[in-house]
Amino acid sequence: MTETLELYIPKPEDGRFYVQMMSDPETMAYNAPWFPPDGCIPEAEQEWKRLSSDWIGHEPERFYAYLRRTADGAFVGDVNFHYTPARDWWDMGIVIYAPERGKGYGKEGLRLLAAYAFSHGVRRLHNDFETDRDAAYRIHRAVGFREIGRENGIIELMLTEADLRERE
């Protein structure tokens, strides 16, 4: 597969894209149960300042990057992970900007994030989300995530480096 995306560690001045994504109701609709009515992150500019100081450059405890299209340098989403000591795994997240969805960027972004994580000492990537998020489930499974549980409408998935290699 030809890589069409790369991980890009944003600089403080690159926060405009984060604010744009977190303020877009279509992109953030999945988040509405936690941030009603539309899922958008309140005070996204302040959140960007916190994120850029507390997450960027703190691997392997915390990691944050944009997904950047290599053809034109456009940002299409973001990825992150952080260590959860009580479970001895790294919880991860991925968001694809709504206008960029349906182009295969979710699966490619997950692969890039996983490869980066495993090369920086991460042993197990974990994600959970609502069971009705079919597209999210499909791309996680396509990358090699295994289902480890379902409860109260939430599905839990896990990926190890061996799981990732099996799908390559």
N, C-alpha and C. Protein backbone atom coordinates (compact mmCIF):
# COMPACT_ATOMS: atom_id res chain seq x y z
N MET A 1 0.84 -1.18 0.00
CA MET A 1 0.00 0.00 0.00
C MET A 1 0.88 1.24 0.00
N THR A 2 0.61 2.16 -0.87
CA THR A 2 1.32 3.43 -0.90
C THR A 2 0.78 4.30 0.22
N GLU A 3 1.70 4.83 1.01
CA GLU A 3 1.29 5.69 2.11
C GLU A 3 0.76 7.01 1.56
N THR A 4 -0.42 7.38 1.96
CA THR A 4 -0.98 8.67 1.58
C THR A 4 -1.03 9.62 2.75
N LEU A 5 -0.73 9.09 3.94
CA LEU A 5 -0.72 9.90 5.16
C LEU A 5 0.60 9.76 5.88
N GLU A 6 0.86 10.74 6.72
CA GLU A 6 2.00 10.67 7.64
C GLU A 6 1.57 11.29 8.96
N LEU A 7 2.25 10.89 10.02
CA LEU A 7 2.05 11.53 11.31
C LEU A 7 2.79 12.86 11.28
N TYR A 8 2.17 13.87 11.80
CA TYR A 8 2.77 15.20 11.87
C TYR A 8 2.61 15.71 13.29
N ILE A 9 3.72 16.00 13.94
CA ILE A 9 3.68 16.54 15.30
C ILE A 9 3.41 18.04 15.17
N PRO A 10 2.22 18.48 15.59
CA PRO A 10 1.88 19.89 15.38
C PRO A 10 2.68 20.82 16.28
N LYS A 11 2.94 21.98 15.73
CA LYS A 11 3.57 23.07 16.47
C LYS A 11 2.45 23.91 17.09
N PRO A 12 2.76 24.71 18.09
CA PRO A 12 1.69 25.52 18.71
C PRO A 12 0.88 26.33 17.69
N GLU A 13 1.52 26.83 16.67
CA GLU A 13 0.81 27.64 15.67
C GLU A 13 -0.09 26.80 14.74
N ASP A 14 -0.01 25.48 14.82
CA ASP A 14 -0.86 24.61 14.01
C ASP A 14 -2.21 24.32 14.67
N GLY A 15 -2.51 24.96 15.77
CA GLY A 15 -3.73 24.69 16.52
C GLY A 15 -5.02 25.02 15.79
N ARG A 16 -4.96 25.82 14.75
CA ARG A 16 -6.16 26.18 14.00
C ARG A 16 -6.92 24.94 13.54
N PHE A 17 -6.18 23.91 13.07
CA PHE A 17 -6.86 22.70 12.60
C PHE A 17 -7.55 21.97 13.74
N TYR A 18 -6.91 21.87 14.88
CA TYR A 18 -7.54 21.23 16.04
C TYR A 18 -8.84 21.95 16.41
N VAL A 19 -8.78 23.27 16.50
CA VAL A 19 -9.96 24.06 16.86
C VAL A 19 -11.05 23.87 15.81
N GLN A 20 -10.68 23.85 14.55
CA GLN A 20 -11.64 23.65 13.45
C GLN A 20 -12.35 22.30 13.60
N MET A 21 -11.57 21.23 13.83
CA MET A 21 -12.17 19.90 13.98
C MET A 21 -13.07 19.81 15.21
N MET A 22 -12.57 20.28 16.35
CA MET A 22 -13.30 20.15 17.61
C MET A 22 -14.54 21.03 17.65
N SER A 23 -14.63 22.00 16.74
CA SER A 23 -15.78 22.91 16.66
C SER A 23 -16.74 22.53 15.55
N ASP A 24 -16.48 21.44 14.85
CA ASP A 24 -17.31 21.03 13.72
C ASP A 24 -18.33 19.98 14.17
N PRO A 25 -19.63 20.30 14.17
CA PRO A 25 -20.64 19.35 14.65
C PRO A 25 -20.66 18.02 13.90
N GLU A 26 -20.39 18.02 12.60
CA GLU A 26 -20.40 16.76 11.87
C GLU A 26 -19.24 15.87 12.30
N THR A 27 -18.07 16.46 12.47
CA THR A 27 -16.90 15.69 12.92
C THR A 27 -17.11 15.17 14.33
N MET A 28 -17.69 15.97 15.19
CA MET A 28 -17.77 15.63 16.61
C MET A 28 -19.09 14.99 17.03
N ALA A 29 -19.94 14.65 16.10
CA ALA A 29 -21.26 14.08 16.43
C ALA A 29 -21.15 12.87 17.35
N TYR A 30 -20.12 12.04 17.16
CA TYR A 30 -19.95 10.84 18.00
C TYR A 30 -19.79 11.21 19.48
N ASN A 31 -19.36 12.41 19.74
CA ASN A 31 -19.03 12.89 21.08
C ASN A 31 -20.23 13.52 21.80
N ALA A 32 -21.38 13.61 21.12
CA ALA A 32 -22.54 14.31 21.68
C ALA A 32 -23.01 13.78 23.04
N PRO A 33 -22.93 12.46 23.32
CA PRO A 33 -23.37 12.02 24.65
C PRO A 33 -22.58 12.65 25.80
N TRP A 34 -21.34 13.04 25.54
CA TRP A 34 -20.49 13.61 26.59
C TRP A 34 -20.47 15.13 26.55
N PHE A 35 -20.70 15.70 25.35
CA PHE A 35 -20.71 17.15 25.18
C PHE A 35 -21.94 17.56 24.38
N PRO A 36 -23.13 17.49 25.02
CA PRO A 36 -24.35 17.84 24.30
C PRO A 36 -24.35 19.33 23.92
N PRO A 37 -25.04 19.71 22.90
CA PRO A 37 -25.91 18.87 22.07
C PRO A 37 -25.22 18.26 20.86
N ASP A 38 -24.05 18.80 20.45
CA ASP A 38 -23.46 18.40 19.16
C ASP A 38 -22.10 17.73 19.26
N GLY A 39 -21.56 17.54 20.46
CA GLY A 39 -20.28 16.89 20.63
C GLY A 39 -19.07 17.79 20.54
N CYS A 40 -19.28 19.03 20.16
CA CYS A 40 -18.15 19.95 20.00
C CYS A 40 -17.51 20.24 21.35
N ILE A 41 -16.20 20.41 21.32
CA ILE A 41 -15.44 20.66 22.53
C ILE A 41 -15.55 22.14 22.90
N PRO A 42 -16.07 22.44 24.09
CA PRO A 42 -16.16 23.84 24.49
C PRO A 42 -14.75 24.41 24.71
N GLU A 43 -14.59 25.66 24.39
CA GLU A 43 -13.30 26.34 24.57
C GLU A 43 -12.16 25.56 23.91
N ALA A 44 -12.34 25.22 22.65
CA ALA A 44 -11.36 24.41 21.92
C ALA A 44 -9.99 25.08 21.86
N GLU A 45 -9.94 26.40 21.81
CA GLU A 45 -8.64 27.08 21.77
C GLU A 45 -7.86 26.86 23.07
N GLN A 46 -8.56 26.93 24.20
CA GLN A 46 -7.90 26.66 25.49
C GLN A 46 -7.48 25.21 25.59
N GLU A 47 -8.33 24.31 25.10
CA GLU A 47 -8.00 22.89 25.10
C GLU A 47 -6.77 22.62 24.25
N TRP A 48 -6.63 23.31 23.11
CA TRP A 48 -5.46 23.16 22.26
C TRP A 48 -4.19 23.57 23.01
N LYS A 49 -4.25 24.66 23.75
CA LYS A 49 -3.07 25.12 24.52
C LYS A 49 -2.65 24.06 25.54
N ARG A 50 -3.64 23.49 26.23
CA ARG A 50 -3.34 22.44 27.21
C ARG A 50 -2.77 21.20 26.52
N LEU A 51 -3.39 20.80 25.45
CA LEU A 51 -2.95 19.62 24.70
C LEU A 51 -1.53 19.80 24.17
N SER A 52 -1.27 20.94 23.58
CA SER A 52 0.06 21.14 22.98
C SER A 52 1.16 21.19 24.04
N SER A 53 0.85 21.63 25.25
CA SER A 53 1.90 21.65 26.28
C SER A 53 2.00 20.33 27.06
N ASP A 54 0.86 19.66 27.27
CA ASP A 54 0.86 18.46 28.12
C ASP A 54 1.01 17.14 27.36
N TRP A 55 0.79 17.13 26.06
CA TRP A 55 0.81 15.88 25.31
C TRP A 55 1.95 15.79 24.31
N ILE A 56 2.24 16.85 23.63
CA ILE A 56 3.24 16.80 22.57
C ILE A 56 4.64 16.72 23.19
N GLY A 57 5.39 15.70 22.76
CA GLY A 57 6.74 15.50 23.27
C GLY A 57 6.81 14.71 24.56
N HIS A 58 5.77 13.99 24.91
CA HIS A 58 5.73 13.24 26.17
C HIS A 58 5.59 11.73 25.96
N GLU A 59 6.15 11.22 24.87
CA GLU A 59 6.08 9.78 24.59
C GLU A 59 6.98 9.02 25.56
N PRO A 60 6.67 7.82 25.96
CA PRO A 60 5.49 7.05 25.55
C PRO A 60 4.30 7.22 26.48
N GLU A 61 4.39 8.09 27.48
CA GLU A 61 3.24 8.27 28.38
C GLU A 61 2.04 8.86 27.65
N ARG A 62 2.29 9.90 26.85
CA ARG A 62 1.23 10.56 26.08
C ARG A 62 1.79 10.93 24.71
N PHE A 63 0.94 10.84 23.70
CA PHE A 63 1.34 11.17 22.33
C PHE A 63 0.15 11.78 21.59
N TYR A 64 0.44 12.79 20.78
CA TYR A 64 -0.59 13.42 19.97
C TYR A 64 0.04 13.83 18.64
N ALA A 65 -0.68 13.57 17.55
CA ALA A 65 -0.22 13.98 16.22
C ALA A 65 -1.40 14.21 15.30
N TYR A 66 -1.18 15.04 14.30
CA TYR A 66 -2.14 15.17 13.22
C TYR A 66 -1.84 14.09 12.19
N LEU A 67 -2.86 13.74 11.42
CA LEU A 67 -2.68 12.93 10.22
C LEU A 67 -2.61 13.91 9.06
N ARG A 68 -1.51 13.87 8.32
CA ARG A 68 -1.30 14.81 7.22
C ARG A 68 -1.20 14.06 5.91
N ARG A 69 -1.97 14.51 4.93
CA ARG A 69 -1.93 13.91 3.60
C ARG A 69 -0.61 14.31 2.94
N THR A 70 0.12 13.32 2.44
CA THR A 70 1.44 13.61 1.88
C THR A 70 1.37 14.34 0.55
N ALA A 71 0.32 14.13 -0.23
CA ALA A 71 0.22 14.74 -1.55
C ALA A 71 0.19 16.27 -1.50
N ASP A 72 -0.52 16.82 -0.52
CA ASP A 72 -0.68 18.28 -0.48
C ASP A 72 -0.43 18.90 0.89
N GLY A 73 -0.08 18.08 1.89
CA GLY A 73 0.21 18.61 3.22
C GLY A 73 -1.01 18.96 4.04
N ALA A 74 -2.21 18.65 3.54
CA ALA A 74 -3.44 18.97 4.28
C ALA A 74 -3.62 18.05 5.48
N PHE A 75 -4.08 18.62 6.58
CA PHE A 75 -4.40 17.82 7.76
C PHE A 75 -5.78 17.21 7.56
N VAL A 76 -5.91 15.90 7.89
CA VAL A 76 -7.18 15.21 7.69
C VAL A 76 -7.75 14.63 8.98
N GLY A 77 -7.00 14.68 10.06
CA GLY A 77 -7.48 14.14 11.32
C GLY A 77 -6.39 14.17 12.37
N ASP A 78 -6.64 13.51 13.49
CA ASP A 78 -5.63 13.42 14.53
C ASP A 78 -5.69 12.06 15.21
N VAL A 79 -4.60 11.73 15.90
CA VAL A 79 -4.46 10.48 16.64
C VAL A 79 -3.77 10.76 17.96
N ASN A 80 -3.97 9.87 18.91
CA ASN A 80 -3.32 10.05 20.21
C ASN A 80 -3.30 8.73 20.96
N PHE A 81 -2.44 8.67 21.97
CA PHE A 81 -2.50 7.59 22.94
C PHE A 81 -1.97 8.10 24.27
N HIS A 82 -2.40 7.44 25.34
CA HIS A 82 -1.89 7.75 26.67
C HIS A 82 -1.93 6.50 27.53
N TYR A 83 -0.95 6.42 28.42
CA TYR A 83 -0.82 5.25 29.29
C TYR A 83 -1.87 5.28 30.39
N THR A 84 -2.48 4.12 30.64
CA THR A 84 -3.45 3.93 31.71
C THR A 84 -2.87 2.90 32.68
N PRO A 85 -2.17 3.36 33.72
CA PRO A 85 -1.45 2.44 34.61
C PRO A 85 -2.34 1.37 35.26
N ALA A 86 -3.55 1.72 35.64
CA ALA A 86 -4.42 0.75 36.32
C ALA A 86 -4.72 -0.46 35.44
N ARG A 87 -4.65 -0.31 34.13
CA ARG A 87 -4.93 -1.41 33.21
C ARG A 87 -3.68 -1.87 32.47
N ASP A 88 -2.57 -1.17 32.64
CA ASP A 88 -1.30 -1.46 31.96
C ASP A 88 -1.49 -1.56 30.44
N TRP A 89 -2.18 -0.55 29.90
CA TRP A 89 -2.32 -0.43 28.46
C TRP A 89 -2.34 1.04 28.10
N TRP A 90 -2.29 1.31 26.82
CA TRP A 90 -2.34 2.67 26.31
C TRP A 90 -3.68 2.85 25.60
N ASP A 91 -4.50 3.75 26.13
CA ASP A 91 -5.75 4.09 25.47
C ASP A 91 -5.43 5.00 24.29
N MET A 92 -6.16 4.80 23.20
CA MET A 92 -5.87 5.57 21.99
C MET A 92 -7.13 6.19 21.44
N GLY A 93 -6.94 7.15 20.56
CA GLY A 93 -8.05 7.79 19.89
C GLY A 93 -7.66 8.20 18.49
N ILE A 94 -8.64 8.31 17.65
CA ILE A 94 -8.46 8.78 16.28
C ILE A 94 -9.72 9.53 15.87
N VAL A 95 -9.53 10.66 15.23
CA VAL A 95 -10.64 11.45 14.69
C VAL A 95 -10.27 11.82 13.26
N ILE A 96 -11.15 11.52 12.33
CA ILE A 96 -10.98 11.96 10.95
C ILE A 96 -11.95 13.12 10.73
N TYR A 97 -11.44 14.23 10.23
CA TYR A 97 -12.25 15.41 9.94
C TYR A 97 -13.35 15.02 8.96
N ALA A 98 -14.59 15.36 9.27
CA ALA A 98 -15.76 14.88 8.51
C ALA A 98 -15.61 15.03 6.99
N PRO A 99 -15.13 16.16 6.45
CA PRO A 99 -15.02 16.24 4.99
C PRO A 99 -14.02 15.25 4.38
N GLU A 100 -13.19 14.64 5.22
CA GLU A 100 -12.15 13.71 4.73
C GLU A 100 -12.52 12.25 4.95
N ARG A 101 -13.69 11.99 5.50
CA ARG A 101 -14.09 10.61 5.79
C ARG A 101 -14.44 9.87 4.51
N GLY A 102 -14.35 8.53 4.59
CA GLY A 102 -14.69 7.68 3.46
C GLY A 102 -13.57 7.53 2.44
N LYS A 103 -12.37 7.94 2.79
CA LYS A 103 -11.23 7.89 1.87
C LYS A 103 -10.16 6.91 2.32
N GLY A 104 -10.45 6.11 3.34
CA GLY A 104 -9.48 5.14 3.84
C GLY A 104 -8.51 5.69 4.86
N TYR A 105 -8.69 6.94 5.26
CA TYR A 105 -7.74 7.56 6.18
C TYR A 105 -7.82 6.99 7.59
N GLY A 106 -8.98 6.50 8.00
CA GLY A 106 -9.11 5.94 9.34
C GLY A 106 -8.24 4.72 9.52
N LYS A 107 -8.32 3.81 8.58
CA LYS A 107 -7.52 2.59 8.67
C LYS A 107 -6.02 2.91 8.56
N GLU A 108 -5.67 3.75 7.62
CA GLU A 108 -4.27 4.11 7.46
C GLU A 108 -3.75 4.86 8.68
N GLY A 109 -4.58 5.75 9.23
CA GLY A 109 -4.18 6.48 10.44
C GLY A 109 -3.97 5.55 11.63
N LEU A 110 -4.85 4.55 11.78
CA LEU A 110 -4.67 3.57 12.85
C LEU A 110 -3.36 2.81 12.68
N ARG A 111 -3.06 2.41 11.46
CA ARG A 111 -1.80 1.69 11.21
C ARG A 111 -0.59 2.55 11.55
N LEU A 112 -0.62 3.81 11.13
CA LEU A 112 0.49 4.71 11.45
C LEU A 112 0.65 4.91 12.95
N LEU A 113 -0.48 5.13 13.63
CA LEU A 113 -0.43 5.30 15.08
C LEU A 113 0.13 4.06 15.76
N ALA A 114 -0.36 2.89 15.36
CA ALA A 114 0.10 1.64 15.98
C ALA A 114 1.59 1.41 15.73
N ALA A 115 2.04 1.61 14.51
CA ALA A 115 3.47 1.42 14.22
C ALA A 115 4.32 2.37 15.06
N TYR A 116 3.90 3.61 15.17
CA TYR A 116 4.63 4.58 15.98
C TYR A 116 4.62 4.15 17.45
N ALA A 117 3.45 3.79 17.95
CA ALA A 117 3.33 3.40 19.36
C ALA A 117 4.25 2.23 19.69
N PHE A 118 4.21 1.18 18.87
CA PHE A 118 5.00 -0.01 19.16
C PHE A 118 6.49 0.26 19.03
N SER A 119 6.87 1.20 18.20
CA SER A 119 8.30 1.55 18.08
C SER A 119 8.76 2.44 19.23
N HIS A 120 7.83 2.90 20.07
CA HIS A 120 8.16 3.75 21.22
C HIS A 120 7.81 3.08 22.56
N GLY A 121 7.80 1.76 22.58
CA GLY A 121 7.67 1.05 23.84
C GLY A 121 6.26 0.70 24.28
N VAL A 122 5.26 1.07 23.51
CA VAL A 122 3.88 0.71 23.85
C VAL A 122 3.72 -0.79 23.63
N ARG A 123 3.06 -1.47 24.57
CA ARG A 123 2.86 -2.92 24.45
C ARG A 123 1.46 -3.28 24.00
N ARG A 124 0.46 -2.51 24.48
CA ARG A 124 -0.93 -2.84 24.14
C ARG A 124 -1.71 -1.54 23.93
N LEU A 125 -2.33 -1.42 22.75
CA LEU A 125 -3.22 -0.29 22.47
C LEU A 125 -4.65 -0.72 22.71
N HIS A 126 -5.40 0.11 23.39
CA HIS A 126 -6.80 -0.18 23.75
C HIS A 126 -7.68 0.95 23.24
N ASN A 127 -8.85 0.60 22.78
CA ASN A 127 -9.86 1.60 22.45
C ASN A 127 -11.22 1.04 22.80
N ASP A 128 -12.13 1.91 23.15
CA ASP A 128 -13.52 1.49 23.37
C ASP A 128 -14.44 2.58 22.84
N PHE A 129 -15.60 2.15 22.40
CA PHE A 129 -16.60 3.06 21.86
C PHE A 129 -17.93 2.33 21.79
N GLU A 130 -18.96 3.06 21.44
CA GLU A 130 -20.31 2.51 21.40
C GLU A 130 -20.41 1.42 20.33
N THR A 131 -21.20 0.38 20.64
CA THR A 131 -21.33 -0.76 19.73
C THR A 131 -22.00 -0.40 18.41
N ASP A 132 -22.69 0.72 18.34
CA ASP A 132 -23.36 1.08 17.08
C ASP A 132 -22.46 1.86 16.12
N ARG A 133 -21.21 2.06 16.48
CA ARG A 133 -20.28 2.77 15.58
C ARG A 133 -19.60 1.75 14.65
N ASP A 134 -20.38 1.30 13.67
CA ASP A 134 -19.94 0.22 12.78
C ASP A 134 -18.67 0.54 12.00
N ALA A 135 -18.55 1.74 11.46
CA ALA A 135 -17.36 2.10 10.68
C ALA A 135 -16.11 2.04 11.56
N ALA A 136 -16.21 2.56 12.77
CA ALA A 136 -15.06 2.52 13.68
C ALA A 136 -14.68 1.08 13.98
N TYR A 137 -15.68 0.24 14.23
CA TYR A 137 -15.42 -1.17 14.52
C TYR A 137 -14.71 -1.83 13.33
N ARG A 138 -15.22 -1.61 12.13
CA ARG A 138 -14.63 -2.25 10.94
C ARG A 138 -13.17 -1.85 10.73
N ILE A 139 -12.86 -0.57 10.88
CA ILE A 139 -11.47 -0.18 10.61
C ILE A 139 -10.53 -0.71 11.70
N HIS A 140 -10.99 -0.73 12.94
CA HIS A 140 -10.14 -1.29 14.01
C HIS A 140 -9.87 -2.77 13.75
N ARG A 141 -10.91 -3.51 13.40
CA ARG A 141 -10.73 -4.95 13.13
C ARG A 141 -9.83 -5.16 11.91
N ALA A 142 -9.95 -4.33 10.90
CA ALA A 142 -9.12 -4.48 9.69
C ALA A 142 -7.64 -4.28 9.99
N VAL A 143 -7.34 -3.48 10.98
CA VAL A 143 -5.95 -3.23 11.37
C VAL A 143 -5.41 -4.36 12.26
N GLY A 144 -6.31 -5.10 12.91
CA GLY A 144 -5.87 -6.21 13.75
C GLY A 144 -6.34 -6.15 15.19
N PHE A 145 -7.08 -5.12 15.57
CA PHE A 145 -7.61 -5.05 16.92
C PHE A 145 -8.51 -6.26 17.18
N ARG A 146 -8.38 -6.83 18.37
CA ARG A 146 -9.22 -7.94 18.80
C ARG A 146 -10.28 -7.41 19.76
N GLU A 147 -11.46 -7.97 19.67
CA GLU A 147 -12.51 -7.61 20.62
C GLU A 147 -12.23 -8.31 21.93
N ILE A 148 -12.22 -7.54 23.03
CA ILE A 148 -11.95 -8.15 24.34
C ILE A 148 -13.15 -8.05 25.28
N GLY A 149 -14.21 -7.37 24.85
CA GLY A 149 -15.39 -7.32 25.69
C GLY A 149 -16.44 -6.37 25.18
N ARG A 150 -17.66 -6.61 25.65
CA ARG A 150 -18.82 -5.74 25.37
C ARG A 150 -19.63 -5.65 26.64
N GLU A 151 -19.98 -4.42 27.00
CA GLU A 151 -20.81 -4.24 28.18
C GLU A 151 -21.48 -2.87 28.11
N ASN A 152 -22.76 -2.85 28.43
CA ASN A 152 -23.53 -1.60 28.48
C ASN A 152 -23.41 -0.77 27.21
N GLY A 153 -23.44 -1.43 26.06
CA GLY A 153 -23.40 -0.73 24.78
C GLY A 153 -22.03 -0.24 24.36
N ILE A 154 -20.98 -0.66 25.08
CA ILE A 154 -19.61 -0.27 24.77
C ILE A 154 -18.82 -1.52 24.38
N ILE A 155 -18.04 -1.39 23.31
CA ILE A 155 -17.16 -2.48 22.87
C ILE A 155 -15.72 -2.10 23.20
N GLU A 156 -14.96 -3.07 23.68
CA GLU A 156 -13.55 -2.85 23.99
C GLU A 156 -12.70 -3.64 23.01
N LEU A 157 -11.65 -2.99 22.51
CA LEU A 157 -10.75 -3.60 21.54
C LEU A 157 -9.31 -3.42 21.99
N MET A 158 -8.45 -4.40 21.61
CA MET A 158 -7.04 -4.38 22.00
C MET A 158 -6.19 -4.74 20.80
N LEU A 159 -5.02 -4.13 20.71
CA LEU A 159 -4.06 -4.42 19.64
C LEU A 159 -2.67 -4.56 20.25
N THR A 160 -1.97 -5.63 19.87
CA THR A 160 -0.56 -5.79 20.22
C THR A 160 0.25 -5.70 18.93
N GLU A 161 1.55 -5.62 19.07
CA GLU A 161 2.40 -5.57 17.88
C GLU A 161 2.25 -6.84 17.04
N ALA A 162 2.10 -7.97 17.69
CA ALA A 162 1.91 -9.25 16.97
C ALA A 162 0.60 -9.22 16.19
N ASP A 163 -0.46 -8.66 16.78
CA ASP A 163 -1.75 -8.55 16.06
C ASP A 163 -1.58 -7.69 14.81
N LEU A 164 -0.86 -6.60 14.95
CA LEU A 164 -0.64 -5.69 13.81
C LEU A 164 0.13 -6.39 12.69
N ARG A 165 1.18 -7.11 13.06
CA ARG A 165 2.00 -7.82 12.05
C ARG A 165 1.20 -8.88 11.32
N GLU A 166 0.26 -9.52 12.00
CA GLU A 166 -0.58 -10.54 11.34
C GLU A 166 -1.40 -9.94 10.21
N ARG A 167 -1.74 -8.67 10.29
CA ARG A 167 -2.58 -8.03 9.27
C ARG A 167 -1.77 -7.39 8.14
N GLU A 168 -0.46 -7.30 8.31
CA GLU A 168 0.35 -6.65 7.27
C GLU A 168 0.59 -7.54 6.09
